[in-house]
Amino acid sequence: ILSELISKSNIEQIESFVTGILKTVFFDRDFSFVVEVSEKRDAKN
């Protein structure tokens, strides 16, 4: 679903949102959530 609605602003929001939760829960680990998007024939992956 995320692949279908993804945009640059959404990517930053999603990464920040999930990363914040990961850092809250797994307090002793330096986790981050990373999204990489590629486009082929007008389709986003």
ModelCIF file with pLDDT and N, C-alpha, C, O atoms, coordinates in Angstrom:
data_MODEL
#
_entry.id   MODEL 
#
_entity.id                         1 
_entity.type                       polymer 
_entity.pdbx_number_of_molecules   1 
#
_entity_poly.entity_id                      1 
_entity_poly.type                           'polypeptide(L)' 
_entity_poly.nstd_linkage                   no 
_entity_poly.nstd_monomer                   no 
_entity_poly.pdbx_seq_one_letter_code       ILSELISKSNIEQIESFVTGILKTVFFDRDFSFVVEVSEKRDAKN 
_entity_poly.pdbx_seq_one_letter_code_can   ILSELISKSNIEQIESFVTGILKTVFFDRDFSFVVEVSEKRDAKN 
_entity_poly.pdbx_strand_id                 A 
#
loop_
_entity_poly_seq.entity_id 
_entity_poly_seq.num 
_entity_poly_seq.mon_id 
_entity_poly_seq.hetero 
1 1  ILE n 
1 2  LEU n 
1 3  SER n 
1 4  GLU n 
1 5  LEU n 
1 6  ILE n 
1 7  SER n 
1 8  LYS n 
1 9  SER n 
1 10 ASN n 
1 11 ILE n 
1 12 GLU n 
1 13 GLN n 
1 14 ILE n 
1 15 GLU n 
1 16 SER n 
1 17 PHE n 
1 18 VAL n 
1 19 THR n 
1 20 GLY n 
1 21 ILE n 
1 22 LEU n 
1 23 LYS n 
1 24 THR n 
1 25 VAL n 
1 26 PHE n 
1 27 PHE n 
1 28 ASP n 
1 29 ARG n 
1 30 ASP n 
1 31 PHE n 
1 32 SER n 
1 33 PHE n 
1 34 VAL n 
1 35 VAL n 
1 36 GLU n 
1 37 VAL n 
1 38 SER n 
1 39 GLU n 
1 40 LYS n 
1 41 ARG n 
1 42 ASP n 
1 43 ALA n 
1 44 LYS n 
1 45 ASN n 
#
_struct_asym.id          A 
_struct_asym.entity_id   1 
#
loop_
_ma_qa_metric.id 
_ma_qa_metric.mode 
_ma_qa_metric.name 
_ma_qa_metric.software_group_id 
_ma_qa_metric.type 
1 global pLDDT . pLDDT 
2 local  pLDDT . pLDDT 
#
_ma_qa_metric_global.metric_id      1 
_ma_qa_metric_global.metric_value   80.13 
_ma_qa_metric_global.model_id       1 
_ma_qa_metric_global.ordinal_id     1 
#
loop_
_ma_qa_metric_local.label_asym_id 
_ma_qa_metric_local.label_comp_id 
_ma_qa_metric_local.label_seq_id 
_ma_qa_metric_local.metric_id 
_ma_qa_metric_local.metric_value 
_ma_qa_metric_local.model_id 
_ma_qa_metric_local.ordinal_id 
A ILE 1  2 57.00 1 1  
A LEU 2  2 57.00 1 2  
A SER 3  2 55.00 1 3  
A GLU 4  2 56.00 1 4  
A LEU 5  2 56.00 1 5  
A ILE 6  2 59.00 1 6  
A SER 7  2 63.00 1 7  
A LYS 8  2 64.00 1 8  
A SER 9  2 65.00 1 9  
A ASN 10 2 77.00 1 10 
A ILE 11 2 81.00 1 11 
A GLU 12 2 83.00 1 12 
A GLN 13 2 85.00 1 13 
A ILE 14 2 86.00 1 14 
A GLU 15 2 89.00 1 15 
A SER 16 2 91.00 1 16 
A PHE 17 2 91.00 1 17 
A VAL 18 2 92.00 1 18 
A THR 19 2 94.00 1 19 
A GLY 20 2 93.00 1 20 
A ILE 21 2 93.00 1 21 
A LEU 22 2 94.00 1 22 
A LYS 23 2 93.00 1 23 
A THR 24 2 93.00 1 24 
A VAL 25 2 94.00 1 25 
A PHE 26 2 95.00 1 26 
A PHE 27 2 93.00 1 27 
A ASP 28 2 93.00 1 28 
A ARG 29 2 93.00 1 29 
A ASP 30 2 94.00 1 30 
A PHE 31 2 94.00 1 31 
A SER 32 2 94.00 1 32 
A PHE 33 2 93.00 1 33 
A VAL 34 2 92.00 1 34 
A VAL 35 2 87.00 1 35 
A GLU 36 2 83.00 1 36 
A VAL 37 2 77.00 1 37 
A SER 38 2 74.00 1 38 
A GLU 39 2 72.00 1 39 
A LYS 40 2 71.00 1 40 
A ARG 41 2 69.00 1 41 
A ASP 42 2 66.00 1 42 
A ALA 43 2 66.00 1 43 
A LYS 44 2 67.00 1 44 
A ASN 45 2 72.00 1 45 
#
loop_
_atom_site.group_PDB 
_atom_site.id 
_atom_site.type_symbol 
_atom_site.label_atom_id 
_atom_site.label_alt_id 
_atom_site.label_comp_id 
_atom_site.label_asym_id 
_atom_site.label_entity_id 
_atom_site.label_seq_id 
_atom_site.pdbx_PDB_ins_code 
_atom_site.Cartn_x 
_atom_site.Cartn_y 
_atom_site.Cartn_z 
_atom_site.occupancy 
_atom_site.B_iso_or_equiv 
_atom_site.pdbx_formal_charge 
_atom_site.auth_seq_id 
_atom_site.auth_comp_id 
_atom_site.auth_asym_id 
_atom_site.auth_atom_id 
_atom_site.pdbx_PDB_model_num 
ATOM 1   N N  . ILE A 1 1  ? 0.837  -1.203 0.000   1.00 57.00 ? 1  ILE A N  1 
ATOM 2   C CA . ILE A 1 1  ? 0.000  0.000  0.000   1.00 57.00 ? 1  ILE A CA 1 
ATOM 3   C C  . ILE A 1 1  ? 0.871  1.253  0.000   1.00 57.00 ? 1  ILE A C  1 
ATOM 4   O O  . ILE A 1 1  ? 0.599  2.214  -0.720  1.00 57.00 ? 1  ILE A O  1 
ATOM 5   N N  . LEU A 1 2  ? 1.920  1.228  0.817   1.00 57.00 ? 2  LEU A N  1 
ATOM 6   C CA . LEU A 1 2  ? 2.819  2.386  0.882   1.00 57.00 ? 2  LEU A CA 1 
ATOM 7   C C  . LEU A 1 2  ? 3.457  2.683  -0.477  1.00 57.00 ? 2  LEU A C  1 
ATOM 8   O O  . LEU A 1 2  ? 3.642  3.843  -0.845  1.00 57.00 ? 2  LEU A O  1 
ATOM 9   N N  . SER A 1 3  ? 3.790  1.627  -1.212  1.00 55.00 ? 3  SER A N  1 
ATOM 10  C CA . SER A 1 3  ? 4.409  1.815  -2.511  1.00 55.00 ? 3  SER A CA 1 
ATOM 11  C C  . SER A 1 3  ? 3.499  2.590  -3.448  1.00 55.00 ? 3  SER A C  1 
ATOM 12  O O  . SER A 1 3  ? 3.973  3.339  -4.303  1.00 55.00 ? 3  SER A O  1 
ATOM 13  N N  . GLU A 1 4  ? 2.191  2.412  -3.291  1.00 56.00 ? 4  GLU A N  1 
ATOM 14  C CA . GLU A 1 4  ? 1.222  3.057  -4.174  1.00 56.00 ? 4  GLU A CA 1 
ATOM 15  C C  . GLU A 1 4  ? 1.012  4.536  -3.836  1.00 56.00 ? 4  GLU A C  1 
ATOM 16  O O  . GLU A 1 4  ? 0.730  5.335  -4.729  1.00 56.00 ? 4  GLU A O  1 
ATOM 17  N N  . LEU A 1 5  ? 1.144  4.907  -2.566  1.00 56.00 ? 5  LEU A N  1 
ATOM 18  C CA . LEU A 1 5  ? 0.856  6.288  -2.193  1.00 56.00 ? 5  LEU A CA 1 
ATOM 19  C C  . LEU A 1 5  ? 2.110  7.119  -1.929  1.00 56.00 ? 5  LEU A C  1 
ATOM 20  O O  . LEU A 1 5  ? 2.034  8.276  -1.514  1.00 56.00 ? 5  LEU A O  1 
ATOM 21  N N  . ILE A 1 6  ? 3.273  6.498  -2.180  1.00 59.00 ? 6  ILE A N  1 
ATOM 22  C CA . ILE A 1 6  ? 4.516  7.119  -1.743  1.00 59.00 ? 6  ILE A CA 1 
ATOM 23  C C  . ILE A 1 6  ? 4.844  8.376  -2.554  1.00 59.00 ? 6  ILE A C  1 
ATOM 24  O O  . ILE A 1 6  ? 4.602  8.427  -3.760  1.00 59.00 ? 6  ILE A O  1 
ATOM 25  N N  . SER A 1 7  ? 5.379  9.357  -1.899  1.00 63.00 ? 7  SER A N  1 
ATOM 26  C CA . SER A 1 7  ? 5.905  10.564 -2.524  1.00 63.00 ? 7  SER A CA 1 
ATOM 27  C C  . SER A 1 7  ? 7.075  11.009 -1.660  1.00 63.00 ? 7  SER A C  1 
ATOM 28  O O  . SER A 1 7  ? 7.318  10.443 -0.594  1.00 63.00 ? 7  SER A O  1 
ATOM 29  N N  . LYS A 1 8  ? 7.793  12.019 -2.119  1.00 64.00 ? 8  LYS A N  1 
ATOM 30  C CA . LYS A 1 8  ? 8.965  12.449 -1.355  1.00 64.00 ? 8  LYS A CA 1 
ATOM 31  C C  . LYS A 1 8  ? 8.585  12.912 0.045   1.00 64.00 ? 8  LYS A C  1 
ATOM 32  O O  . LYS A 1 8  ? 9.255  12.565 1.018   1.00 64.00 ? 8  LYS A O  1 
ATOM 33  N N  . SER A 1 9  ? 7.516  13.695 0.152   1.00 65.00 ? 9  SER A N  1 
ATOM 34  C CA . SER A 1 9  ? 7.104  14.176 1.474   1.00 65.00 ? 9  SER A CA 1 
ATOM 35  C C  . SER A 1 9  ? 6.617  13.024 2.341   1.00 65.00 ? 9  SER A C  1 
ATOM 36  O O  . SER A 1 9  ? 6.878  12.986 3.543   1.00 65.00 ? 9  SER A O  1 
ATOM 37  N N  . ASN A 1 10 ? 5.902  12.079 1.714   1.00 77.00 ? 10 ASN A N  1 
ATOM 38  C CA . ASN A 1 10 ? 5.432  10.920 2.476   1.00 77.00 ? 10 ASN A CA 1 
ATOM 39  C C  . ASN A 1 10 ? 6.597  10.072 2.976   1.00 77.00 ? 10 ASN A C  1 
ATOM 40  O O  . ASN A 1 10 ? 6.577  9.574  4.102   1.00 77.00 ? 10 ASN A O  1 
ATOM 41  N N  . ILE A 1 11 ? 7.603  9.914  2.133   1.00 81.00 ? 11 ILE A N  1 
ATOM 42  C CA . ILE A 1 11 ? 8.779  9.134  2.529   1.00 81.00 ? 11 ILE A CA 1 
ATOM 43  C C  . ILE A 1 11 ? 9.392  9.702  3.807   1.00 81.00 ? 11 ILE A C  1 
ATOM 44  O O  . ILE A 1 11 ? 9.675  8.966  4.752   1.00 81.00 ? 11 ILE A O  1 
ATOM 45  N N  . GLU A 1 12 ? 9.593  11.008 3.822   1.00 83.00 ? 12 GLU A N  1 
ATOM 46  C CA . GLU A 1 12 ? 10.199 11.643 4.992   1.00 83.00 ? 12 GLU A CA 1 
ATOM 47  C C  . GLU A 1 12 ? 9.312  11.475 6.226   1.00 83.00 ? 12 GLU A C  1 
ATOM 48  O O  . GLU A 1 12 ? 9.809  11.231 7.326   1.00 83.00 ? 12 GLU A O  1 
ATOM 49  N N  . GLN A 1 13 ? 7.992  11.608 6.039   1.00 85.00 ? 13 GLN A N  1 
ATOM 50  C CA . GLN A 1 13 ? 7.062  11.445 7.162   1.00 85.00 ? 13 GLN A CA 1 
ATOM 51  C C  . GLN A 1 13 ? 7.083  10.022 7.700   1.00 85.00 ? 13 GLN A C  1 
ATOM 52  O O  . GLN A 1 13 ? 7.138  9.798  8.910   1.00 85.00 ? 13 GLN A O  1 
ATOM 53  N N  . ILE A 1 14 ? 7.039  9.067  6.782   1.00 86.00 ? 14 ILE A N  1 
ATOM 54  C CA . ILE A 1 14 ? 7.025  7.653  7.190   1.00 86.00 ? 14 ILE A CA 1 
ATOM 55  C C  . ILE A 1 14 ? 8.311  7.290  7.916   1.00 86.00 ? 14 ILE A C  1 
ATOM 56  O O  . ILE A 1 14 ? 8.280  6.671  8.980   1.00 86.00 ? 14 ILE A O  1 
ATOM 57  N N  . GLU A 1 15 ? 9.449  7.682  7.334   1.00 89.00 ? 15 GLU A N  1 
ATOM 58  C CA . GLU A 1 15 ? 10.738 7.370  7.952   1.00 89.00 ? 15 GLU A CA 1 
ATOM 59  C C  . GLU A 1 15 ? 10.828 7.976  9.348   1.00 89.00 ? 15 GLU A C  1 
ATOM 60  O O  . GLU A 1 15 ? 11.245 7.307  10.293  1.00 89.00 ? 15 GLU A O  1 
ATOM 61  N N  . SER A 1 16 ? 10.441 9.227  9.476   1.00 91.00 ? 16 SER A N  1 
ATOM 62  C CA . SER A 1 16 ? 10.512 9.917  10.763  1.00 91.00 ? 16 SER A CA 1 
ATOM 63  C C  . SER A 1 16 ? 9.571  9.286  11.776  1.00 91.00 ? 16 SER A C  1 
ATOM 64  O O  . SER A 1 16 ? 9.938  9.093  12.935  1.00 91.00 ? 16 SER A O  1 
ATOM 65  N N  . PHE A 1 17 ? 8.354  8.964  11.340  1.00 91.00 ? 17 PHE A N  1 
ATOM 66  C CA . PHE A 1 17 ? 7.341  8.411  12.234  1.00 91.00 ? 17 PHE A CA 1 
ATOM 67  C C  . PHE A 1 17 ? 7.763  7.043  12.784  1.00 91.00 ? 17 PHE A C  1 
ATOM 68  O O  . PHE A 1 17 ? 7.751  6.819  13.995  1.00 91.00 ? 17 PHE A O  1 
ATOM 69  N N  . VAL A 1 18 ? 8.135  6.134  11.878  1.00 92.00 ? 18 VAL A N  1 
ATOM 70  C CA . VAL A 1 18 ? 8.511  4.779  12.300  1.00 92.00 ? 18 VAL A CA 1 
ATOM 71  C C  . VAL A 1 18 ? 9.815  4.792  13.089  1.00 92.00 ? 18 VAL A C  1 
ATOM 72  O O  . VAL A 1 18 ? 9.959  4.058  14.067  1.00 92.00 ? 18 VAL A O  1 
ATOM 73  N N  . THR A 1 19 ? 10.769 5.629  12.664  1.00 94.00 ? 19 THR A N  1 
ATOM 74  C CA . THR A 1 19 ? 12.045 5.726  13.381  1.00 94.00 ? 19 THR A CA 1 
ATOM 75  C C  . THR A 1 19 ? 11.822 6.198  14.819  1.00 94.00 ? 19 THR A C  1 
ATOM 76  O O  . THR A 1 19 ? 12.433 5.674  15.750  1.00 94.00 ? 19 THR A O  1 
ATOM 77  N N  . GLY A 1 20 ? 10.949 7.183  14.993  1.00 93.00 ? 20 GLY A N  1 
ATOM 78  C CA . GLY A 1 20 ? 10.663 7.684  16.340  1.00 93.00 ? 20 GLY A CA 1 
ATOM 79  C C  . GLY A 1 20 ? 10.114 6.605  17.254  1.00 93.00 ? 20 GLY A C  1 
ATOM 80  O O  . GLY A 1 20 ? 10.470 6.534  18.430  1.00 93.00 ? 20 GLY A O  1 
ATOM 81  N N  . ILE A 1 21 ? 9.237  5.758  16.702  1.00 93.00 ? 21 ILE A N  1 
ATOM 82  C CA . ILE A 1 21 ? 8.657  4.674  17.505  1.00 93.00 ? 21 ILE A CA 1 
ATOM 83  C C  . ILE A 1 21 ? 9.713  3.621  17.822  1.00 93.00 ? 21 ILE A C  1 
ATOM 84  O O  . ILE A 1 21 ? 9.775  3.121  18.946  1.00 93.00 ? 21 ILE A O  1 
ATOM 85  N N  . LEU A 1 22 ? 10.539 3.284  16.842  1.00 94.00 ? 22 LEU A N  1 
ATOM 86  C CA . LEU A 1 22 ? 11.607 2.304  17.079  1.00 94.00 ? 22 LEU A CA 1 
ATOM 87  C C  . LEU A 1 22 ? 12.557 2.771  18.175  1.00 94.00 ? 22 LEU A C  1 
ATOM 88  O O  . LEU A 1 22 ? 12.954 1.981  19.031  1.00 94.00 ? 22 LEU A O  1 
ATOM 89  N N  . LYS A 1 23 ? 12.923 4.048  18.152  1.00 93.00 ? 23 LYS A N  1 
ATOM 90  C CA . LYS A 1 23 ? 13.843 4.581  19.158  1.00 93.00 ? 23 LYS A CA 1 
ATOM 91  C C  . LYS A 1 23 ? 13.191 4.650  20.545  1.00 93.00 ? 23 LYS A C  1 
ATOM 92  O O  . LYS A 1 23 ? 13.869 4.536  21.565  1.00 93.00 ? 23 LYS A O  1 
ATOM 93  N N  . THR A 1 24 ? 11.853 4.842  20.567  1.00 93.00 ? 24 THR A N  1 
ATOM 94  C CA . THR A 1 24 ? 11.140 4.867  21.847  1.00 93.00 ? 24 THR A CA 1 
ATOM 95  C C  . THR A 1 24 ? 11.096 3.481  22.487  1.00 93.00 ? 24 THR A C  1 
ATOM 96  O O  . THR A 1 24 ? 11.326 3.329  23.687  1.00 93.00 ? 24 THR A O  1 
ATOM 97  N N  . VAL A 1 25 ? 10.798 2.483  21.673  1.00 94.00 ? 25 VAL A N  1 
ATOM 98  C CA . VAL A 1 25 ? 10.630 1.122  22.198  1.00 94.00 ? 25 VAL A CA 1 
ATOM 99  C C  . VAL A 1 25 ? 11.981 0.453  22.436  1.00 94.00 ? 25 VAL A C  1 
ATOM 100 O O  . VAL A 1 25 ? 12.245 -0.057 23.525  1.00 94.00 ? 25 VAL A O  1 
ATOM 101 N N  . PHE A 1 26 ? 12.836 0.459  21.407  1.00 95.00 ? 26 PHE A N  1 
ATOM 102 C CA . PHE A 1 26 ? 14.148 -0.197 21.505  1.00 95.00 ? 26 PHE A CA 1 
ATOM 103 C C  . PHE A 1 26 ? 15.184 0.862  21.885  1.00 95.00 ? 26 PHE A C  1 
ATOM 104 O O  . PHE A 1 26 ? 16.030 1.254  21.081  1.00 95.00 ? 26 PHE A O  1 
ATOM 105 N N  . PHE A 1 27 ? 15.088 1.300  23.118  1.00 93.00 ? 27 PHE A N  1 
ATOM 106 C CA . PHE A 1 27 ? 15.821 2.464  23.622  1.00 93.00 ? 27 PHE A CA 1 
ATOM 107 C C  . PHE A 1 27 ? 17.332 2.304  23.554  1.00 93.00 ? 27 PHE A C  1 
ATOM 108 O O  . PHE A 1 27 ? 18.052 3.297  23.459  1.00 93.00 ? 27 PHE A O  1 
ATOM 109 N N  . ASP A 1 28 ? 17.824 1.066  23.602  1.00 93.00 ? 28 ASP A N  1 
ATOM 110 C CA . ASP A 1 28 ? 19.264 0.828  23.650  1.00 93.00 ? 28 ASP A CA 1 
ATOM 111 C C  . ASP A 1 28 ? 19.851 0.464  22.287  1.00 93.00 ? 28 ASP A C  1 
ATOM 112 O O  . ASP A 1 28 ? 21.017 0.081  22.188  1.00 93.00 ? 28 ASP A O  1 
ATOM 113 N N  . ARG A 1 29 ? 19.034 0.586  21.238  1.00 93.00 ? 29 ARG A N  1 
ATOM 114 C CA . ARG A 1 29 ? 19.501 0.290  19.878  1.00 93.00 ? 29 ARG A CA 1 
ATOM 115 C C  . ARG A 1 29 ? 19.349 1.540  19.017  1.00 93.00 ? 29 ARG A C  1 
ATOM 116 O O  . ARG A 1 29 ? 18.377 2.282  19.159  1.00 93.00 ? 29 ARG A O  1 
ATOM 117 N N  . ASP A 1 30 ? 20.289 1.767  18.142  1.00 94.00 ? 30 ASP A N  1 
ATOM 118 C CA . ASP A 1 30 ? 20.244 2.956  17.281  1.00 94.00 ? 30 ASP A CA 1 
ATOM 119 C C  . ASP A 1 30 ? 19.582 2.585  15.949  1.00 94.00 ? 30 ASP A C  1 
ATOM 120 O O  . ASP A 1 30 ? 20.235 2.529  14.907  1.00 94.00 ? 30 ASP A O  1 
ATOM 121 N N  . PHE A 1 31 ? 18.255 2.330  16.013  1.00 94.00 ? 31 PHE A N  1 
ATOM 122 C CA . PHE A 1 31 ? 17.504 1.923  14.832  1.00 94.00 ? 31 PHE A CA 1 
ATOM 123 C C  . PHE A 1 31 ? 16.970 3.132  14.062  1.00 94.00 ? 31 PHE A C  1 
ATOM 124 O O  . PHE A 1 31 ? 16.655 4.171  14.643  1.00 94.00 ? 31 PHE A O  1 
ATOM 125 N N  . SER A 1 32 ? 16.877 2.973  12.752  1.00 94.00 ? 32 SER A N  1 
ATOM 126 C CA . SER A 1 32 ? 16.184 3.925  11.893  1.00 94.00 ? 32 SER A CA 1 
ATOM 127 C C  . SER A 1 32 ? 15.431 3.146  10.826  1.00 94.00 ? 32 SER A C  1 
ATOM 128 O O  . SER A 1 32 ? 15.831 2.048  10.438  1.00 94.00 ? 32 SER A O  1 
ATOM 129 N N  . PHE A 1 33 ? 14.335 3.732  10.360  1.00 93.00 ? 33 PHE A N  1 
ATOM 130 C CA . PHE A 1 33 ? 13.541 3.125  9.297   1.00 93.00 ? 33 PHE A CA 1 
ATOM 131 C C  . PHE A 1 33 ? 13.855 3.853  8.001   1.00 93.00 ? 33 PHE A C  1 
ATOM 132 O O  . PHE A 1 33 ? 13.761 5.079  7.939   1.00 93.00 ? 33 PHE A O  1 
ATOM 133 N N  . VAL A 1 34 ? 14.228 3.109  6.964   1.00 92.00 ? 34 VAL A N  1 
ATOM 134 C CA . VAL A 1 34 ? 14.684 3.704  5.709   1.00 92.00 ? 34 VAL A CA 1 
ATOM 135 C C  . VAL A 1 34 ? 13.820 3.203  4.552   1.00 92.00 ? 34 VAL A C  1 
ATOM 136 O O  . VAL A 1 34 ? 13.541 2.010  4.434   1.00 92.00 ? 34 VAL A O  1 
ATOM 137 N N  . VAL A 1 35 ? 13.406 4.145  3.703   1.00 87.00 ? 35 VAL A N  1 
ATOM 138 C CA . VAL A 1 35 ? 12.600 3.821  2.523   1.00 87.00 ? 35 VAL A CA 1 
ATOM 139 C C  . VAL A 1 35 ? 13.380 4.210  1.277   1.00 87.00 ? 35 VAL A C  1 
ATOM 140 O O  . VAL A 1 35 ? 13.854 5.341  1.164   1.00 87.00 ? 35 VAL A O  1 
ATOM 141 N N  . GLU A 1 36 ? 13.514 3.276  0.340   1.00 83.00 ? 36 GLU A N  1 
ATOM 142 C CA . GLU A 1 36 ? 14.148 3.557  -0.943  1.00 83.00 ? 36 GLU A CA 1 
ATOM 143 C C  . GLU A 1 36 ? 13.132 3.308  -2.050  1.00 83.00 ? 36 GLU A C  1 
ATOM 144 O O  . GLU A 1 36 ? 12.512 2.246  -2.104  1.00 83.00 ? 36 GLU A O  1 
ATOM 145 N N  . VAL A 1 37 ? 12.963 4.293  -2.936  1.00 77.00 ? 37 VAL A N  1 
ATOM 146 C CA . VAL A 1 37 ? 11.947 4.204  -3.984  1.00 77.00 ? 37 VAL A CA 1 
ATOM 147 C C  . VAL A 1 37 ? 12.603 4.249  -5.357  1.00 77.00 ? 37 VAL A C  1 
ATOM 148 O O  . VAL A 1 37 ? 13.481 5.071  -5.620  1.00 77.00 ? 37 VAL A O  1 
ATOM 149 N N  . SER A 1 38 ? 12.159 3.348  -6.221  1.00 74.00 ? 38 SER A N  1 
ATOM 150 C CA . SER A 1 38 ? 12.604 3.364  -7.610  1.00 74.00 ? 38 SER A CA 1 
ATOM 151 C C  . SER A 1 38 ? 11.377 3.413  -8.520  1.00 74.00 ? 38 SER A C  1 
ATOM 152 O O  . SER A 1 38 ? 10.291 2.979  -8.137  1.00 74.00 ? 38 SER A O  1 
ATOM 153 N N  . GLU A 1 39 ? 11.561 3.943  -9.722  1.00 72.00 ? 39 GLU A N  1 
ATOM 154 C CA . GLU A 1 39 ? 10.450 4.056  -10.663 1.00 72.00 ? 39 GLU A CA 1 
ATOM 155 C C  . GLU A 1 39 ? 10.784 3.341  -11.967 1.00 72.00 ? 39 GLU A C  1 
ATOM 156 O O  . GLU A 1 39 ? 11.862 3.516  -12.535 1.00 72.00 ? 39 GLU A O  1 
ATOM 157 N N  . LYS A 1 40 ? 9.831  2.530  -12.426 1.00 71.00 ? 40 LYS A N  1 
ATOM 158 C CA . LYS A 1 40 ? 9.965  1.847  -13.708 1.00 71.00 ? 40 LYS A CA 1 
ATOM 159 C C  . LYS A 1 40 ? 8.645  1.950  -14.462 1.00 71.00 ? 40 LYS A C  1 
ATOM 160 O O  . LYS A 1 40 ? 7.609  1.475  -13.995 1.00 71.00 ? 40 LYS A O  1 
ATOM 161 N N  . ARG A 1 41 ? 8.700  2.577  -15.635 1.00 69.00 ? 41 ARG A N  1 
ATOM 162 C CA . ARG A 1 41 ? 7.509  2.706  -16.476 1.00 69.00 ? 41 ARG A CA 1 
ATOM 163 C C  . ARG A 1 41 ? 6.334  3.312  -15.698 1.00 69.00 ? 41 ARG A C  1 
ATOM 164 O O  . ARG A 1 41 ? 5.221  2.786  -15.710 1.00 69.00 ? 41 ARG A O  1 
ATOM 165 N N  . ASP A 1 42 ? 6.607  4.402  -15.043 1.00 66.00 ? 42 ASP A N  1 
ATOM 166 C CA . ASP A 1 42 ? 5.590  5.145  -14.279 1.00 66.00 ? 42 ASP A CA 1 
ATOM 167 C C  . ASP A 1 42 ? 5.051  4.381  -13.067 1.00 66.00 ? 42 ASP A C  1 
ATOM 168 O O  . ASP A 1 42 ? 4.063  4.797  -12.463 1.00 66.00 ? 42 ASP A O  1 
ATOM 169 N N  . ALA A 1 43 ? 5.686  3.286  -12.716 1.00 66.00 ? 43 ALA A N  1 
ATOM 170 C CA . ALA A 1 43 ? 5.277  2.520  -11.527 1.00 66.00 ? 43 ALA A CA 1 
ATOM 171 C C  . ALA A 1 43 ? 6.353  2.666  -10.455 1.00 66.00 ? 43 ALA A C  1 
ATOM 172 O O  . ALA A 1 43 ? 7.547  2.562  -10.739 1.00 66.00 ? 43 ALA A O  1 
ATOM 173 N N  . LYS A 1 44 ? 5.918  2.907  -9.229  1.00 67.00 ? 44 LYS A N  1 
ATOM 174 C CA . LYS A 1 44 ? 6.854  3.093  -8.122  1.00 67.00 ? 44 LYS A CA 1 
ATOM 175 C C  . LYS A 1 44 ? 7.020  1.788  -7.345  1.00 67.00 ? 44 LYS A C  1 
ATOM 176 O O  . LYS A 1 44 ? 6.064  1.061  -7.077  1.00 67.00 ? 44 LYS A O  1 
ATOM 177 N N  . ASN A 1 45 ? 8.254  1.535  -7.006  1.00 72.00 ? 45 ASN A N  1 
ATOM 178 C CA . ASN A 1 45 ? 8.569  0.360  -6.206  1.00 72.00 ? 45 ASN A CA 1 
ATOM 179 C C  . ASN A 1 45 ? 9.340  0.803  -4.971  1.00 72.00 ? 45 ASN A C  1 
ATOM 180 O O  . ASN A 1 45 ? 9.714  -0.030 -4.144  1.00 72.00 ? 45 ASN A O  1 
#
